[in-house]
């Protein structure tokens, strides 16, 4: 599979952006996370991963999405 450079750059940029948001965003209001907080963040990251998988399926087909 030949992936253009801009796709890799966008993917790496999105991952770095999520990491920065995760590390910096939680520092502003330090607190012990509740079960609800943890469940919401876990569901959000699982949703992002599923969305990425669907985009791979849409643009590259099932061979690369599985």
PDB file of N, CA and C in Angstrom:
ATOM      1  N   UNK A   1       0.850  -1.177   0.000  1.00  0.00           N
ATOM      2  CA  UNK A   1       0.000   0.000   0.000  1.00  0.00           C
ATOM      3  C   UNK A   1       0.892   1.234   0.000  1.00  0.00           C
ATOM      4  N   UNK A   2       0.650   2.111  -0.934  1.00  0.00           N
ATOM      5  CA  UNK A   2       1.421   3.340  -1.053  1.00  0.00           C
ATOM      6  C   UNK A   2       0.634   4.469  -0.390  1.00  0.00           C
ATOM      7  N   UNK A   3       1.114   4.921   0.759  1.00  0.00           N
ATOM      8  CA  UNK A   3       0.435   5.976   1.512  1.00  0.00           C
ATOM      9  C   UNK A   3       1.186   7.282   1.292  1.00  0.00           C
ATOM     10  N   UNK A   4       0.484   8.338   0.865  1.00  0.00           N
ATOM     11  CA  UNK A   4       1.154   9.625   0.644  1.00  0.00           C
ATOM     12  C   UNK A   4       1.706  10.197   1.962  1.00  0.00           C
ATOM     13  N   UNK A   5       2.732  11.015   1.816  1.00  0.00           N
ATOM     14  CA  UNK A   5       3.370  11.618   2.984  1.00  0.00           C
ATOM     15  C   UNK A   5       2.390  12.442   3.804  1.00  0.00           C
ATOM     16  N   UNK A   6       1.496  13.175   3.143  1.00  0.00           N
ATOM     17  CA  UNK A   6       0.584  14.051   3.878  1.00  0.00           C
ATOM     18  C   UNK A   6      -0.361  13.245   4.769  1.00  0.00           C
ATOM     19  N   UNK A   7      -0.686  12.018   4.396  1.00  0.00           N
ATOM     20  CA  UNK A   7      -1.538  11.178   5.236  1.00  0.00           C
ATOM     21  C   UNK A   7      -0.781  10.773   6.494  1.00  0.00           C
ATOM     22  N   UNK A   8       0.489  10.386   6.334  1.00  0.00           N
ATOM     23  CA  UNK A   8       1.302  10.047   7.502  1.00  0.00           C
ATOM     24  C   UNK A   8       1.469  11.271   8.401  1.00  0.00           C
ATOM     25  N   UNK A   9       1.738  12.418   7.804  1.00  0.00           N
ATOM     26  CA  UNK A   9       1.927  13.639   8.593  1.00  0.00           C
ATOM     27  C   UNK A   9       0.653  13.995   9.360  1.00  0.00           C
ATOM     28  N   UNK A  10      -0.488  13.861   8.715  1.00  0.00           N
ATOM     29  CA  UNK A  10      -1.761  14.141   9.379  1.00  0.00           C
ATOM     30  C   UNK A  10      -2.021  13.158  10.519  1.00  0.00           C
ATOM     31  N   UNK A  11      -1.725  11.887  10.293  1.00  0.00           N
ATOM     32  CA  UNK A  11      -1.933  10.876  11.317  1.00  0.00           C
ATOM     33  C   UNK A  11      -1.025  11.111  12.526  1.00  0.00           C
ATOM     34  N   UNK A  12       0.246  11.330  12.277  1.00  0.00           N
ATOM     35  CA  UNK A  12       1.184  11.586  13.371  1.00  0.00           C
ATOM     36  C   UNK A  12       0.823  12.885  14.090  1.00  0.00           C
ATOM     37  N   UNK A  13       0.433  13.899  13.344  1.00  0.00           N
ATOM     38  CA  UNK A  13       0.015  15.160  13.965  1.00  0.00           C
ATOM     39  C   UNK A  13      -1.211  14.991  14.848  1.00  0.00           C
ATOM     40  N   UNK A  14      -2.158  14.179  14.413  1.00  0.00           N
ATOM     41  CA  UNK A  14      -3.354  13.935  15.223  1.00  0.00           C
ATOM     42  C   UNK A  14      -3.007  13.183  16.498  1.00  0.00           C
ATOM     43  N   UNK A  15      -2.113  12.212  16.396  1.00  0.00           N
ATOM     44  CA  UNK A  15      -1.705  11.458  17.585  1.00  0.00           C
ATOM     45  C   UNK A  15      -0.971  12.364  18.564  1.00  0.00           C
ATOM     46  N   UNK A  16      -0.050  13.167  18.074  1.00  0.00           N
ATOM     47  CA  UNK A  16       0.672  14.088  18.943  1.00  0.00           C
ATOM     48  C   UNK A  16      -0.293  15.097  19.560  1.00  0.00           C
ATOM     49  N   UNK A  17      -1.251  15.582  18.775  1.00  0.00           N
ATOM     50  CA  UNK A  17      -2.246  16.513  19.299  1.00  0.00           C
ATOM     51  C   UNK A  17      -3.085  15.897  20.404  1.00  0.00           C
ATOM     52  N   UNK A  18      -3.479  14.632  20.243  1.00  0.00           N
ATOM     53  CA  UNK A  18      -4.255  13.964  21.296  1.00  0.00           C
ATOM     54  C   UNK A  18      -3.419  13.765  22.559  1.00  0.00           C
ATOM     55  N   UNK A  19      -2.136  13.420  22.382  1.00  0.00           N
ATOM     56  CA  UNK A  19      -1.273  13.262  23.550  1.00  0.00           C
ATOM     57  C   UNK A  19      -1.080  14.580  24.292  1.00  0.00           C
ATOM     58  N   UNK A  20      -0.836  15.654  23.550  1.00  0.00           N
ATOM     59  CA  UNK A  20      -0.678  16.968  24.175  1.00  0.00           C
ATOM     60  C   UNK A  20      -1.958  17.363  24.897  1.00  0.00           C
ATOM     61  N   UNK A  21      -3.100  17.163  24.249  1.00  0.00           N
ATOM     62  CA  UNK A  21      -4.377  17.490  24.894  1.00  0.00           C
ATOM     63  C   UNK A  21      -4.576  16.667  26.156  1.00  0.00           C
ATOM     64  N   UNK A  22      -4.232  15.395  26.090  1.00  0.00           N
ATOM     65  CA  UNK A  22      -4.408  14.509  27.232  1.00  0.00           C
ATOM     66  C   UNK A  22      -3.518  14.926  28.398  1.00  0.00           C
ATOM     67  N   UNK A  23      -2.250  15.230  28.119  1.00  0.00           N
ATOM     68  CA  UNK A  23      -1.330  15.590  29.187  1.00  0.00           C
ATOM     69  C   UNK A  23      -1.556  17.006  29.705  1.00  0.00           C
ATOM     70  N   UNK A  24      -1.786  17.960  28.823  1.00  0.00           N
ATOM     71  CA  UNK A  24      -1.931  19.360  29.237  1.00  0.00           C
ATOM     72  C   UNK A  24      -3.343  19.641  29.741  1.00  0.00           C
ATOM     73  N   UNK A  25      -4.338  19.057  29.103  1.00  0.00           N
ATOM     74  CA  UNK A  25      -5.722  19.329  29.490  1.00  0.00           C
ATOM     75  C   UNK A  25      -6.084  18.855  30.876  1.00  0.00           C
ATOM     76  N   UNK A  26      -5.490  17.773  31.317  1.00  0.00           N
ATOM     77  CA  UNK A  26      -5.813  17.257  32.648  1.00  0.00           C
ATOM     78  C   UNK A  26      -5.039  17.950  33.748  1.00  0.00           C
ATOM     79  N   UNK A  27      -3.955  18.624  33.409  1.00  0.00           N
ATOM     80  CA  UNK A  27      -3.147  19.304  34.420  1.00  0.00           C
ATOM     81  C   UNK A  27      -3.841  20.561  34.918  1.00  0.00           C
ATOM     82  N   UNK A  28      -4.659  21.140  34.108  1.00  0.00           N
ATOM     83  CA  UNK A  28      -5.313  22.396  34.501  1.00  0.00           C
ATOM     84  C   UNK A  28      -6.269  22.221  35.666  1.00  0.00           C
ATOM     85  N   UNK A  29      -6.942  21.093  35.728  1.00  0.00           N
ATOM     86  CA  UNK A  29      -7.857  20.822  36.837  1.00  0.00           C
ATOM     87  C   UNK A  29      -7.506  19.459  37.443  1.00  0.00           C
ATOM     88  N   UNK A  30      -6.456  19.423  38.272  1.00  0.00           N
ATOM     89  CA  UNK A  30      -6.049  18.141  38.838  1.00  0.00           C
ATOM     90  C   UNK A  30      -7.094  17.614  39.824  1.00  0.00           C
ATOM     91  N   UNK A  31      -7.485  16.388  39.639  1.00  0.00           N
ATOM     92  CA  UNK A  31      -8.431  15.743  40.541  1.00  0.00           C
ATOM     93  C   UNK A  31      -8.334  14.234  40.356  1.00  0.00           C
ATOM     94  N   UNK A  32      -8.807  13.525  41.330  1.00  0.00           N
ATOM     95  CA  UNK A  32      -8.847  12.072  41.208  1.00  0.00           C
ATOM     96  C   UNK A  32      -9.996  11.720  40.265  1.00  0.00           C
ATOM     97  N   UNK A  33      -9.712  10.995  39.198  1.00  0.00           N
ATOM     98  CA  UNK A  33     -10.770  10.701  38.232  1.00  0.00           C
ATOM     99  C   UNK A  33     -11.821   9.759  38.821  1.00  0.00           C
ATOM    100  N   UNK A  34     -13.062  10.051  38.503  1.00  0.00           N
ATOM    101  CA  UNK A  34     -14.148   9.179  38.923  1.00  0.00           C
ATOM    102  C   UNK A  34     -14.302   8.055  37.897  1.00  0.00           C
ATOM    103  N   UNK A  35     -15.107   7.081  38.244  1.00  0.00           N
ATOM    104  CA  UNK A  35     -15.373   5.997  37.302  1.00  0.00           C
ATOM    105  C   UNK A  35     -16.040   6.539  36.048  1.00  0.00           C
ATOM    106  N   UNK A  36     -16.928   7.518  36.212  1.00  0.00           N
ATOM    107  CA  UNK A  36     -17.605   8.123  35.053  1.00  0.00           C
ATOM    108  C   UNK A  36     -16.611   8.839  34.150  1.00  0.00           C
ATOM    109  N   UNK A  37     -15.696   9.617  34.743  1.00  0.00           N
ATOM    110  CA  UNK A  37     -14.670  10.301  33.953  1.00  0.00           C
ATOM    111  C   UNK A  37     -13.852   9.303  33.147  1.00  0.00           C
ATOM    112  N   UNK A  38     -13.423   8.250  33.810  1.00  0.00           N
ATOM    113  CA  UNK A  38     -12.606   7.236  33.137  1.00  0.00           C
ATOM    114  C   UNK A  38     -13.377   6.559  32.017  1.00  0.00           C
ATOM    115  N   UNK A  39     -14.643   6.270  32.260  1.00  0.00           N
ATOM    116  CA  UNK A  39     -15.458   5.620  31.232  1.00  0.00           C
ATOM    117  C   UNK A  39     -15.667   6.532  30.029  1.00  0.00           C
ATOM    118  N   UNK A  40     -15.903   7.805  30.271  1.00  0.00           N
ATOM    119  CA  UNK A  40     -16.117   8.756  29.172  1.00  0.00           C
ATOM    120  C   UNK A  40     -14.848   8.904  28.337  1.00  0.00           C
ATOM    121  N   UNK A  41     -13.688   9.064  28.993  1.00  0.00           N
ATOM    122  CA  UNK A  41     -12.442   9.204  28.252  1.00  0.00           C
ATOM    123  C   UNK A  41     -12.104   7.927  27.500  1.00  0.00           C
ATOM    124  N   UNK A  42     -12.335   6.786  28.118  1.00  0.00           N
ATOM    125  CA  UNK A  42     -12.078   5.519  27.435  1.00  0.00           C
ATOM    126  C   UNK A  42     -12.976   5.375  26.214  1.00  0.00           C
ATOM    127  N   UNK A  43     -14.253   5.703  26.363  1.00  0.00           N
ATOM    128  CA  UNK A  43     -15.189   5.618  25.240  1.00  0.00           C
ATOM    129  C   UNK A  43     -14.791   6.591  24.125  1.00  0.00           C
ATOM    130  N   UNK A  44     -14.306   7.768  24.500  1.00  0.00           N
ATOM    131  CA  UNK A  44     -13.886   8.747  23.491  1.00  0.00           C
ATOM    132  C   UNK A  44     -12.699   8.217  22.689  1.00  0.00           C
ATOM    133  N   UNK A  45     -11.712   7.648  23.369  1.00  0.00           N
ATOM    134  CA  UNK A  45     -10.541   7.138  22.652  1.00  0.00           C
ATOM    135  C   UNK A  45     -10.876   5.900  21.834  1.00  0.00           C
ATOM    136  N   UNK A  46     -11.759   5.052  22.325  1.00  0.00           N
ATOM    137  CA  UNK A  46     -12.200   3.906  21.534  1.00  0.00           C
ATOM    138  C   UNK A  46     -12.960   4.388  20.301  1.00  0.00           C
ATOM    139  N   UNK A  47     -13.790   5.425  20.471  1.00  0.00           N
ATOM    140  CA  UNK A  47     -14.514   6.005  19.337  1.00  0.00           C
ATOM    141  C   UNK A  47     -13.574   6.588  18.298  1.00  0.00           C
ATOM    142  N   UNK A  48     -12.508   7.243  18.741  1.00  0.00           N
ATOM    143  CA  UNK A  48     -11.521   7.790  17.804  1.00  0.00           C
ATOM    144  C   UNK A  48     -10.850   6.652  17.033  1.00  0.00           C
ATOM    145  N   UNK A  49     -10.504   5.575  17.732  1.00  0.00           N
ATOM    146  CA  UNK A  49      -9.867   4.433  17.071  1.00  0.00           C
ATOM    147  C   UNK A  49     -10.816   3.787  16.065  1.00  0.00           C
ATOM    148  N   UNK A  50     -12.077   3.647  16.428  1.00  0.00           N
ATOM    149  CA  UNK A  50     -13.057   3.081  15.495  1.00  0.00           C
ATOM    150  C   UNK A  50     -13.243   3.986  14.280  1.00  0.00           C
ATOM    151  N   UNK A  51     -13.277   5.281  14.506  1.00  0.00           N
ATOM    152  CA  UNK A  51     -13.384   6.227  13.397  1.00  0.00           C
ATOM    153  C   UNK A  51     -12.193   6.134  12.460  1.00  0.00           C
ATOM    154  N   UNK A  52     -10.999   5.981  13.026  1.00  0.00           N
ATOM    155  CA  UNK A  52      -9.801   5.815  12.195  1.00  0.00           C
ATOM    156  C   UNK A  52      -9.905   4.537  11.376  1.00  0.00           C
ATOM    157  N   UNK A  53     -10.357   3.464  12.003  1.00  0.00           N
ATOM    158  CA  UNK A  53     -10.519   2.200  11.287  1.00  0.00           C
ATOM    159  C   UNK A  53     -11.533   2.309  10.165  1.00  0.00           C
ATOM    160  N   UNK A  54     -12.612   3.043  10.409  1.00  0.00           N
ATOM    161  CA  UNK A  54     -13.613   3.238   9.359  1.00  0.00           C
ATOM    162  C   UNK A  54     -13.069   4.069   8.200  1.00  0.00           C
ATOM    163  N   UNK A  55     -12.244   5.064   8.522  1.00  0.00           N
ATOM    164  CA  UNK A  55     -11.622   5.858   7.456  1.00  0.00           C
ATOM    165  C   UNK A  55     -10.670   5.003   6.614  1.00  0.00           C
ATOM    166  N   UNK A  56      -9.916   4.123   7.278  1.00  0.00           N
ATOM    167  CA  UNK A  56      -9.035   3.226   6.534  1.00  0.00           C
ATOM    168  C   UNK A  56      -9.874   2.309   5.654  1.00  0.00           C
ATOM    169  N   UNK A  57     -10.958   1.791   6.188  1.00  0.00           N
ATOM    170  CA  UNK A  57     -11.851   0.936   5.412  1.00  0.00           C
ATOM    171  C   UNK A  57     -12.424   1.683   4.216  1.00  0.00           C
ATOM    172  N   UNK A  58     -12.840   2.908   4.423  1.00  0.00           N
ATOM    173  CA  UNK A  58     -13.446   3.707   3.364  1.00  0.00           C
ATOM    174  C   UNK A  58     -12.451   4.024   2.248  1.00  0.00           C
ATOM    175  N   UNK A  59     -11.232   4.416   2.620  1.00  0.00           N
ATOM    176  CA  UNK A  59     -10.273   4.870   1.626  1.00  0.00           C
ATOM    177  C   UNK A  59      -9.376   3.770   1.073  1.00  0.00           C
ATOM    178  N   UNK A  60      -9.162   2.682   1.841  1.00  0.00           N
ATOM    179  CA  UNK A  60      -8.209   1.670   1.396  1.00  0.00           C
ATOM    180  C   UNK A  60      -8.806   0.282   1.235  1.00  0.00           C
ATOM    181  N   UNK A  61     -10.013   0.085   1.674  1.00  0.00           N
ATOM    182  CA  UNK A  61     -10.642  -1.214   1.523  1.00  0.00           C
ATOM    183  C   UNK A  61     -10.440  -2.123   2.726  1.00  0.00           C
ATOM    184  N   UNK A  62     -11.126  -3.238   2.676  1.00  0.00           N
ATOM    185  CA  UNK A  62     -11.140  -4.159   3.798  1.00  0.00           C
ATOM    186  C   UNK A  62      -9.833  -4.887   4.027  1.00  0.00           C
ATOM    187  N   UNK A  63      -9.014  -5.005   2.988  1.00  0.00           N
ATOM    188  CA  UNK A  63      -7.741  -5.710   3.152  1.00  0.00           C
ATOM    189  C   UNK A  63      -6.844  -5.044   4.185  1.00  0.00           C
ATOM    190  N   UNK A  64      -6.832  -3.716   4.235  1.00  0.00           N
ATOM    191  CA  UNK A  64      -5.966  -2.984   5.150  1.00  0.00           C
ATOM    192  C   UNK A  64      -6.680  -2.600   6.442  1.00  0.00           C
ATOM    193  N   UNK A  65      -7.981  -2.644   6.460  1.00  0.00           N
ATOM    194  CA  UNK A  65      -8.728  -2.227   7.638  1.00  0.00           C
ATOM    195  C   UNK A  65      -8.887  -3.340   8.669  1.00  0.00           C
ATOM    196  N   UNK A  66      -8.627  -4.583   8.288  1.00  0.00           N
ATOM    197  CA  UNK A  66      -8.815  -5.688   9.235  1.00  0.00           C
ATOM    198  C   UNK A  66      -7.650  -5.905  10.130  1.00  0.00           C
TER     199      UNK A  66
END
